C-alpha atoms as a PDB file:
ATOM      1  CA  MET A   1      56.747 131.177  80.229  1.00  0.00           C
ATOM      2  CA  ALA A   2      60.050 129.417  80.993  1.00  0.00           C
ATOM      3  CA  ARG A   3      63.159 131.587  81.209  1.00  0.00           C
ATOM      4  CA  LYS A   4      65.689 130.960  78.420  1.00  0.00           C
ATOM      5  CA  LYS A   5      69.048 129.862  79.804  1.00  0.00           C
ATOM      6  CA  PRO A   6      71.944 132.221  78.955  1.00  0.00           C
ATOM      7  CA  LEU A   7      74.668 130.805  76.701  1.00  0.00           C
ATOM      8  CA  ARG A   8      77.182 130.637  79.586  1.00  0.00           C
ATOM      9  CA  GLU A   9      74.776 128.597  81.717  1.00  0.00           C
ATOM     10  CA  ILE A  10      74.079 126.222  78.803  1.00  0.00           C
ATOM     11  CA  HIS A  11      77.819 125.777  78.224  1.00  0.00           C
ATOM     12  CA  GLN A  12      78.415 124.989  81.932  1.00  0.00           C
ATOM     13  CA  LEU A  13      75.569 122.469  81.882  1.00  0.00           C
ATOM     14  CA  LYS A  14      77.000 120.775  78.779  1.00  0.00           C
ATOM     15  CA  GLU A  15      80.447 120.592  80.386  1.00  0.00           C
ATOM     16  CA  ARG A  16      78.997 119.059  83.558  1.00  0.00           C
ATOM     17  CA  ILE A  17      77.069 116.443  81.550  1.00  0.00           C
ATOM     18  CA  LYS A  18      80.232 115.661  79.583  1.00  0.00           C
ATOM     19  CA  ILE A  19      82.313 115.199  82.757  1.00  0.00           C
ATOM     20  CA  GLU A  20      79.662 113.099  84.486  1.00  0.00           C
ATOM     21  CA  SER A  21      79.186 110.898  81.415  1.00  0.00           C
ATOM     22  CA  GLU A  22      82.945 110.221  81.361  1.00  0.00           C
ATOM     23  CA  VAL A  23      83.046 109.265  85.038  1.00  0.00           C
ATOM     24  CA  PHE A  24      79.606 107.698  85.495  1.00  0.00           C
ATOM     25  CA  ASP A  25      78.395 105.439  82.713  1.00  0.00           C
ATOM     26  CA  ARG A  26      74.768 104.270  82.634  1.00  0.00           C
ATOM     27  CA  LYS A  27      75.502 101.075  84.612  1.00  0.00           C
ATOM     28  CA  THR A  28      77.370 103.014  87.310  1.00  0.00           C
ATOM     29  CA  LEU A  29      74.532 105.515  87.616  1.00  0.00           C
ATOM     30  CA  LEU A  30      72.038 102.643  87.998  1.00  0.00           C
ATOM     31  CA  ASP A  31      74.179 101.072  90.743  1.00  0.00           C
ATOM     32  CA  LEU A  32      74.504 104.410  92.553  1.00  0.00           C
ATOM     33  CA  SER A  33      70.720 104.748  92.297  1.00  0.00           C
ATOM     34  CA  LYS A  34      70.345 101.308  93.913  1.00  0.00           C
ATOM     35  CA  LEU A  35      72.603 102.408  96.787  1.00  0.00           C
ATOM     36  CA  MET A  36      70.415 105.469  97.305  1.00  0.00           C
ATOM     37  CA  LYS A  37      67.179 103.453  97.189  1.00  0.00           C
ATOM     38  CA  LYS A  38      68.607 101.099  99.819  1.00  0.00           C
ATOM     39  CA  ASP A  39      69.461 104.182 101.959  1.00  0.00           C
ATOM     40  CA  ILE A  40      73.151 103.227 101.912  1.00  0.00           C
ATOM     41  CA  ILE A  41      74.132 106.652 100.552  1.00  0.00           C
ATOM     42  CA  ALA A  42      72.305 109.943 100.106  1.00  0.00           C
ATOM     43  CA  THR A  43      74.753 111.865  97.899  1.00  0.00           C
ATOM     44  CA  VAL A  44      77.998 111.456  95.985  1.00  0.00           C
ATOM     45  CA  ASP A  45      80.111 114.458  96.941  1.00  0.00           C
ATOM     46  CA  TYR A  46      83.444 114.703  95.126  1.00  0.00           C
ATOM     47  CA  PRO A  47      86.333 112.575  93.788  1.00  0.00           C
ATOM     48  CA  ILE A  48      89.044 111.628  96.285  1.00  0.00           C
ATOM     49  CA  SER A  49      91.316 109.988  93.733  1.00  0.00           C
ATOM     50  CA  THR A  50      91.230 108.977  90.089  1.00  0.00           C
ATOM     51  CA  GLY A  51      93.348 106.353  88.365  1.00  0.00           C
ATOM     52  CA  LYS A  52      93.579 104.060  85.356  1.00  0.00           C
ATOM     53  CA  GLU A  53      91.819 101.195  87.143  1.00  0.00           C
ATOM     54  CA  ALA A  54      89.414 102.884  89.566  1.00  0.00           C
ATOM     55  CA  ASN A  55      88.004 106.154  90.886  1.00  0.00           C
ATOM     56  CA  VAL A  56      87.269 106.841  94.554  1.00  0.00           C
ATOM     57  CA  PHE A  57      84.586 109.295  95.652  1.00  0.00           C
ATOM     58  CA  ARG A  58      83.478 110.657  98.983  1.00  0.00           C
ATOM     59  CA  ALA A  59      79.772 110.114  99.599  1.00  0.00           C
ATOM     60  CA  THR A  60      77.391 110.983 102.414  1.00  0.00           C
ATOM     61  CA  THR A  61      75.003 108.516 104.023  1.00  0.00           C
ATOM     62  CA  THR A  62      71.417 109.259 105.037  1.00  0.00           C
ATOM     63  CA  ASP A  63      72.555 109.955 108.617  1.00  0.00           C
ATOM     64  CA  GLY A  64      75.258 112.403 107.497  1.00  0.00           C
ATOM     65  CA  THR A  65      78.243 110.050 107.842  1.00  0.00           C
ATOM     66  CA  TYR A  66      80.945 110.146 105.174  1.00  0.00           C
ATOM     67  CA  VAL A  67      81.890 106.984 103.286  1.00  0.00           C
ATOM     68  CA  ALA A  68      84.146 106.273 100.332  1.00  0.00           C
ATOM     69  CA  ILE A  69      82.920 104.615  97.134  1.00  0.00           C
ATOM     70  CA  LYS A  70      85.501 102.885  94.961  1.00  0.00           C
ATOM     71  CA  ILE A  71      84.372 102.273  91.382  1.00  0.00           C
ATOM     72  CA  TYR A  72      86.462  99.962  89.231  1.00  0.00           C
ATOM     73  CA  LYS A  73      86.457 100.983  85.567  1.00  0.00           C
ATOM     74  CA  VAL A  74      85.210  98.350  83.139  1.00  0.00           C
ATOM     75  CA  GLU A  75      86.591 100.219  80.134  1.00  0.00           C
ATOM     76  CA  THR A  76      90.164  99.951  81.474  1.00  0.00           C
ATOM     77  CA  ALA A  77      90.099  96.209  82.141  1.00  0.00           C
ATOM     78  CA  LYS A  78      93.208  95.824  79.954  1.00  0.00           C
ATOM     79  CA  PHE A  79      95.258  97.461  82.730  1.00  0.00           C
ATOM     80  CA  PHE A  80      94.333  94.719  85.221  1.00  0.00           C
ATOM     81  CA  ARG A  81      97.109  92.128  85.515  1.00  0.00           C
ATOM     82  CA  ARG A  82      94.804  89.128  85.621  1.00  0.00           C
ATOM     83  CA  ASP A  83      97.703  86.810  84.854  1.00  0.00           C
ATOM     84  CA  LEU A  84      99.653  87.931  87.942  1.00  0.00           C
ATOM     85  CA  TYR A  85      97.021  88.670  90.569  1.00  0.00           C
ATOM     86  CA  LEU A  86      93.839  86.829  89.626  1.00  0.00           C
ATOM     87  CA  ASP A  87      94.689  83.616  87.794  1.00  0.00           C
ATOM     88  CA  GLY A  88      96.847  82.282  90.625  1.00  0.00           C
ATOM     89  CA  ASP A  89      94.354  83.122  93.387  1.00  0.00           C
ATOM     90  CA  PRO A  90      92.364  79.956  94.231  1.00  0.00           C
ATOM     91  CA  ARG A  91      89.392  82.087  95.300  1.00  0.00           C
ATOM     92  CA  PHE A  92      88.842  83.239  91.716  1.00  0.00           C
ATOM     93  CA  ASP A  93      89.757  80.274  89.552  1.00  0.00           C
ATOM     94  CA  ARG A  94      86.296  79.900  87.992  1.00  0.00           C
ATOM     95  CA  ILE A  95      85.473  83.389  86.777  1.00  0.00           C
ATOM     96  CA  LYS A  96      84.536  84.117  83.185  1.00  0.00           C
ATOM     97  CA  HIS A  97      87.362  85.899  81.404  1.00  0.00           C
ATOM     98  CA  THR A  98      85.308  88.765  79.991  1.00  0.00           C
ATOM     99  CA  GLU A  99      86.250  92.375  80.745  1.00  0.00           C
ATOM    100  CA  LYS A 100      83.188  92.936  82.939  1.00  0.00           C
ATOM    101  CA  GLU A 101      83.727  89.761  84.956  1.00  0.00           C
ATOM    102  CA  ILE A 102      87.439  90.469  85.442  1.00  0.00           C
ATOM    103  CA  VAL A 103      86.739  93.948  86.800  1.00  0.00           C
ATOM    104  CA  LYS A 104      83.956  92.653  89.068  1.00  0.00           C
ATOM    105  CA  ALA A 105      86.366  89.963  90.310  1.00  0.00           C
ATOM    106  CA  PHE A 106      88.945  92.594  91.282  1.00  0.00           C
ATOM    107  CA  ALA A 107      86.272  94.531  93.191  1.00  0.00           C
ATOM    108  CA  ARG A 108      85.169  91.331  94.941  1.00  0.00           C
ATOM    109  CA  LYS A 109      88.816  90.500  95.631  1.00  0.00           C
ATOM    110  CA  GLU A 110      89.414  93.847  97.341  1.00  0.00           C
ATOM    111  CA  PHE A 111      86.208  93.461  99.357  1.00  0.00           C
ATOM    112  CA  LYS A 112      87.247  89.998 100.589  1.00  0.00           C
ATOM    113  CA  ASN A 113      90.807  91.149 101.341  1.00  0.00           C
ATOM    114  CA  LEU A 114      89.539  94.052 103.421  1.00  0.00           C
ATOM    115  CA  GLN A 115      87.248  91.694 105.327  1.00  0.00           C
ATOM    116  CA  ILE A 116      90.347  89.652 106.229  1.00  0.00           C
ATOM    117  CA  CYS A 117      92.042  92.856 107.386  1.00  0.00           C
ATOM    118  CA  GLU A 118      89.060  93.816 109.537  1.00  0.00           C
ATOM    119  CA  LYS A 119      89.061  90.431 111.308  1.00  0.00           C
ATOM    120  CA  LYS A 120      92.807  90.742 111.950  1.00  0.00           C
ATOM    121  CA  LYS A 121      92.472  94.403 113.058  1.00  0.00           C
ATOM    122  CA  ILE A 122      94.786  95.658 110.321  1.00  0.00           C
ATOM    123  CA  HIS A 123      94.776  99.435 109.871  1.00  0.00           C
ATOM    124  CA  ALA A 124      92.745  99.549 106.659  1.00  0.00           C
ATOM    125  CA  PRO A 125      89.277 100.838 105.700  1.00  0.00           C
ATOM    126  CA  GLN A 126      86.263  98.804 106.776  1.00  0.00           C
ATOM    127  CA  VAL A 127      84.013  97.646 103.959  1.00  0.00           C
ATOM    128  CA  TYR A 128      80.241  98.027 104.093  1.00  0.00           C
ATOM    129  CA  TYR A 129      78.736  97.024 100.765  1.00  0.00           C
ATOM    130  CA  LEU A 130      79.657  95.521  97.389  1.00  0.00           C
ATOM    131  CA  ILE A 131      77.674  95.828  94.178  1.00  0.00           C
ATOM    132  CA  ASP A 132      79.258  94.621  90.919  1.00  0.00           C
ATOM    133  CA  ASN A 133      82.358  96.806  90.363  1.00  0.00           C
ATOM    134  CA  MET A 134      81.600  99.192  93.242  1.00  0.00           C
ATOM    135  CA  ILE A 135      82.671  99.050  96.905  1.00  0.00           C
ATOM    136  CA  VAL A 136      81.298 101.215  99.719  1.00  0.00           C
ATOM    137  CA  MET A 137      83.886 101.513 102.474  1.00  0.00           C
ATOM    138  CA  GLU A 138      85.013 103.589 105.420  1.00  0.00           C
ATOM    139  CA  PHE A 139      86.027 107.185 104.675  1.00  0.00           C
ATOM    140  CA  LEU A 140      89.534 107.758 106.000  1.00  0.00           C
ATOM    141  CA  GLY A 141      89.902 111.411 106.838  1.00  0.00           C
ATOM    142  CA  GLU A 142      89.569 114.230 109.310  1.00  0.00           C
ATOM    143  CA  GLY A 143      86.500 116.424 109.183  1.00  0.00           C
ATOM    144  CA  GLU A 144      85.359 116.724 105.592  1.00  0.00           C
ATOM    145  CA  LEU A 145      88.723 115.965 103.983  1.00  0.00           C
ATOM    146  CA  PRO A 146      90.493 112.655 103.303  1.00  0.00           C
ATOM    147  CA  TYR A 147      93.877 111.893 104.817  1.00  0.00           C
ATOM    148  CA  PRO A 148      96.841 112.526 102.520  1.00  0.00           C
ATOM    149  CA  THR A 149      98.895 109.641 101.185  1.00  0.00           C
ATOM    150  CA  MET A 150     102.394 109.106 102.567  1.00  0.00           C
ATOM    151  CA  ASN A 151     104.087 110.110  99.322  1.00  0.00           C
ATOM    152  CA  MET A 152     102.613 113.600  99.832  1.00  0.00           C
ATOM    153  CA  VAL A 153     103.567 114.186 103.487  1.00  0.00           C
ATOM    154  CA  GLY A 154     106.185 111.562 104.341  1.00  0.00           C
ATOM    155  CA  PRO A 155     106.223 109.522 107.570  1.00  0.00           C
ATOM    156  CA  LEU A 156     104.591 111.925 110.037  1.00  0.00           C
ATOM    157  CA  HIS A 157     105.523 109.986 113.174  1.00  0.00           C
ATOM    158  CA  GLY A 158     108.914 108.654 112.173  1.00  0.00           C
ATOM    159  CA  GLU A 159     109.809 105.190 113.426  1.00  0.00           C
ATOM    160  CA  LYS A 160     106.324 104.618 114.861  1.00  0.00           C
ATOM    161  CA  ASP A 161     104.889 104.693 111.341  1.00  0.00           C
ATOM    162  CA  LEU A 162     107.350 102.072 110.125  1.00  0.00           C
ATOM    163  CA  GLU A 163     106.614  99.812 113.103  1.00  0.00           C
ATOM    164  CA  SER A 164     102.859 100.122 112.511  1.00  0.00           C
ATOM    165  CA  ILE A 165     103.156  99.284 108.799  1.00  0.00           C
ATOM    166  CA  LEU A 166     105.440  96.289 109.363  1.00  0.00           C
ATOM    167  CA  LYS A 167     103.141  94.944 112.094  1.00  0.00           C
ATOM    168  CA  ASP A 168     100.225  95.225 109.665  1.00  0.00           C
ATOM    169  CA  ILE A 169     102.164  93.402 106.931  1.00  0.00           C
ATOM    170  CA  LYS A 170     102.968  90.634 109.427  1.00  0.00           C
ATOM    171  CA  GLY A 171      99.359  90.545 110.653  1.00  0.00           C
ATOM    172  CA  MET A 172      98.134  90.121 107.085  1.00  0.00           C
ATOM    173  CA  TYR A 173     100.706  87.423 106.387  1.00  0.00           C
ATOM    174  CA  ASP A 174      99.701  85.549 109.553  1.00  0.00           C
ATOM    175  CA  ALA A 175      96.107  85.717 108.270  1.00  0.00           C
ATOM    176  CA  GLY A 176      97.203  84.307 104.910  1.00  0.00           C
ATOM    177  CA  LEU A 177      97.153  87.565 102.922  1.00  0.00           C
ATOM    178  CA  VAL A 178      99.809  89.554 101.023  1.00  0.00           C
ATOM    179  CA  HIS A 179      99.077  93.097  99.834  1.00  0.00           C
ATOM    180  CA  THR A 180     101.395  92.899  96.727  1.00  0.00           C
ATOM    181  CA  ASP A 181     101.429  96.662  96.060  1.00  0.00           C
ATOM    182  CA  MET A 182     102.835  98.217  99.225  1.00  0.00           C
ATOM    183  CA  SER A 183     104.319 101.665  98.688  1.00  0.00           C
ATOM    184  CA  GLU A 184     104.089 105.205  99.990  1.00  0.00           C
ATOM    185  CA  TYR A 185     101.307 105.790  97.428  1.00  0.00           C
ATOM    186  CA  ASN A 186      99.035 103.170  99.025  1.00  0.00           C
ATOM    187  CA  ILE A 187      99.303 104.369 102.619  1.00  0.00           C
ATOM    188  CA  MET A 188      97.106 107.158 104.010  1.00  0.00           C
ATOM    189  CA  MET A 189      98.490 109.175 106.900  1.00  0.00           C
ATOM    190  CA  GLY A 190      96.191 109.920 109.807  1.00  0.00           C
ATOM    191  CA  LYS A 191      97.160 109.572 113.459  1.00  0.00           C
ATOM    192  CA  ILE A 192      98.404 106.180 112.292  1.00  0.00           C
ATOM    193  CA  PRO A 193      99.186 104.875 108.794  1.00  0.00           C
ATOM    194  CA  TYR A 194      96.296 103.172 106.979  1.00  0.00           C
ATOM    195  CA  LEU A 195      96.897 100.665 104.193  1.00  0.00           C
ATOM    196  CA  ILE A 196      94.704 101.024 101.092  1.00  0.00           C
ATOM    197  CA  ASP A 197      94.222  99.552  97.585  1.00  0.00           C
ATOM    198  CA  PHE A 198      93.858  95.816  98.216  1.00  0.00           C
ATOM    199  CA  GLY A 199      92.506  94.822  94.807  1.00  0.00           C
ATOM    200  CA  GLN A 200      95.716  93.031  93.855  1.00  0.00           C
ATOM    201  CA  GLY A 201      96.192  91.316  97.236  1.00  0.00           C
ATOM    202  CA  VAL A 202      96.686  87.552  97.132  1.00  0.00           C
ATOM    203  CA  VAL A 203      96.373  84.688  99.584  1.00  0.00           C
ATOM    204  CA  LYS A 204      99.310  82.464 100.536  1.00  0.00           C
ATOM    205  CA  GLY A 205      98.081  79.812  98.110  1.00  0.00           C
ATOM    206  CA  HIS A 206      99.071  82.073  95.216  1.00  0.00           C
ATOM    207  CA  PRO A 207     102.228  80.796  93.446  1.00  0.00           C
ATOM    208  CA  HIS A 208     103.951  84.209  93.718  1.00  0.00           C
ATOM    209  CA  ALA A 209     102.791  85.151  97.220  1.00  0.00           C
ATOM    210  CA  GLU A 210     106.275  84.947  98.768  1.00  0.00           C
ATOM    211  CA  GLN A 211     107.825  87.023  95.983  1.00  0.00           C
ATOM    212  CA  PHE A 212     105.120  89.658  96.419  1.00  0.00           C
ATOM    213  CA  LEU A 213     105.741  89.717 100.185  1.00  0.00           C
ATOM    214  CA  GLU A 214     109.458  90.275  99.637  1.00  0.00           C
ATOM    215  CA  ARG A 215     108.738  93.112  97.213  1.00  0.00           C
ATOM    216  CA  ASP A 216     106.303  94.753  99.657  1.00  0.00           C
ATOM    217  CA  VAL A 217     108.779  94.650 102.533  1.00  0.00           C
ATOM    218  CA  ARG A 218     111.682  95.812 100.378  1.00  0.00           C
ATOM    219  CA  ASN A 219     109.639  98.799  99.132  1.00  0.00           C
ATOM    220  CA  ILE A 220     108.759  99.910 102.657  1.00  0.00           C
ATOM    221  CA  VAL A 221     112.239  99.382 104.121  1.00  0.00           C
ATOM    222  CA  LYS A 222     113.800 101.268 101.196  1.00  0.00           C
ATOM    223  CA  TYR A 223     111.327 104.163 101.459  1.00  0.00           C
ATOM    224  CA  PHE A 224     111.855 104.673 105.180  1.00  0.00           C
ATOM    225  CA  GLY A 225     115.608 104.295 104.690  1.00  0.00           C
ATOM    226  CA  LYS A 226     115.497 107.381 102.452  1.00  0.00           C
ATOM    227  CA  HIS A 227     113.999 109.229 105.433  1.00  0.00           C
ATOM    228  CA  GLY A 228     116.824 108.114 107.730  1.00  0.00           C
ATOM    229  CA  ILE A 229     114.814 105.328 109.421  1.00  0.00           C
ATOM    230  CA  LYS A 230     116.850 102.177 108.860  1.00  0.00           C
ATOM    231  CA  ARG A 231     115.848  98.514 109.125  1.00  0.00           C
ATOM    232  CA  ASP A 232     117.688  95.369 108.087  1.00  0.00           C
ATOM    233  CA  TYR A 233     115.594  93.829 105.319  1.00  0.00           C
ATOM    234  CA  ASP A 234     116.648  90.212 106.023  1.00  0.00           C
ATOM    235  CA  LYS A 235     115.774  90.491 109.706  1.00  0.00           C
ATOM    236  CA  VAL A 236     112.411  92.100 108.926  1.00  0.00           C
ATOM    237  CA  ILE A 237     111.377  89.479 106.363  1.00  0.00           C
ATOM    238  CA  ASP A 238     112.404  86.647 108.704  1.00  0.00           C
ATOM    239  CA  TRP A 239     110.373  88.228 111.529  1.00  0.00           C
ATOM    240  CA  ILE A 240     107.308  88.530 109.310  1.00  0.00           C
ATOM    241  CA  ARG A 241     107.638  84.890 108.272  1.00  0.00           C
ATOM    242  CA  GLY A 242     108.012  83.819 111.902  1.00  0.00           C
ATOM    243  CA  LYS A 243     111.649  82.774 111.626  1.00  0.00           C
ATOM    244  CA  LYS A 244     114.213  83.463 114.338  1.00  0.00           C
END
């Protein structure tokens, strides 16, 4: 005869189902199941970050390696600035303008942008697999824990961190890519700074690419200036653009 579950255990089970249903809808669960059947992941471990547009989870592969899974939220498609970051990108000028297709386009956009970064050896996570609104990518961390973002710990290596970030911004620009959302919140601090969150990144063919570049550089120069590490914005932007 099966043991009856105590009320506390039933309540905990209900709470877990409620939480999982809020984070993982049926489509997401099916996609995660596909990743497991393909032996791409074995388990989904815990959330690394949650936001209006996407959640990021640590997962473990079948050989015990950690990866990160970024899941763009279909239900929050209204937060995606399609008009600014998607409509002007020539790579995505033929997508259907439904909520599902817009979110899938942003996931595909981040995947493609990170592939550009990998070819140019930019300090950013490698990408492994894309399925609809879900990206499997490199886990940036030490041991079992992810690296903190720069807004939490500041520039750990002073001027070296600024030099690394500016070189990466220039490397991206030379490869025809602009991040568009550079800030201390989108940089993870390991032994070197790693740039993250490339879903909004645009190519040089975008009509606002140069304005986005200027904003990125100004944000970084201003942030490091608050920490006593000064750079002349005009000289930095000219250097990135290849001007003397």
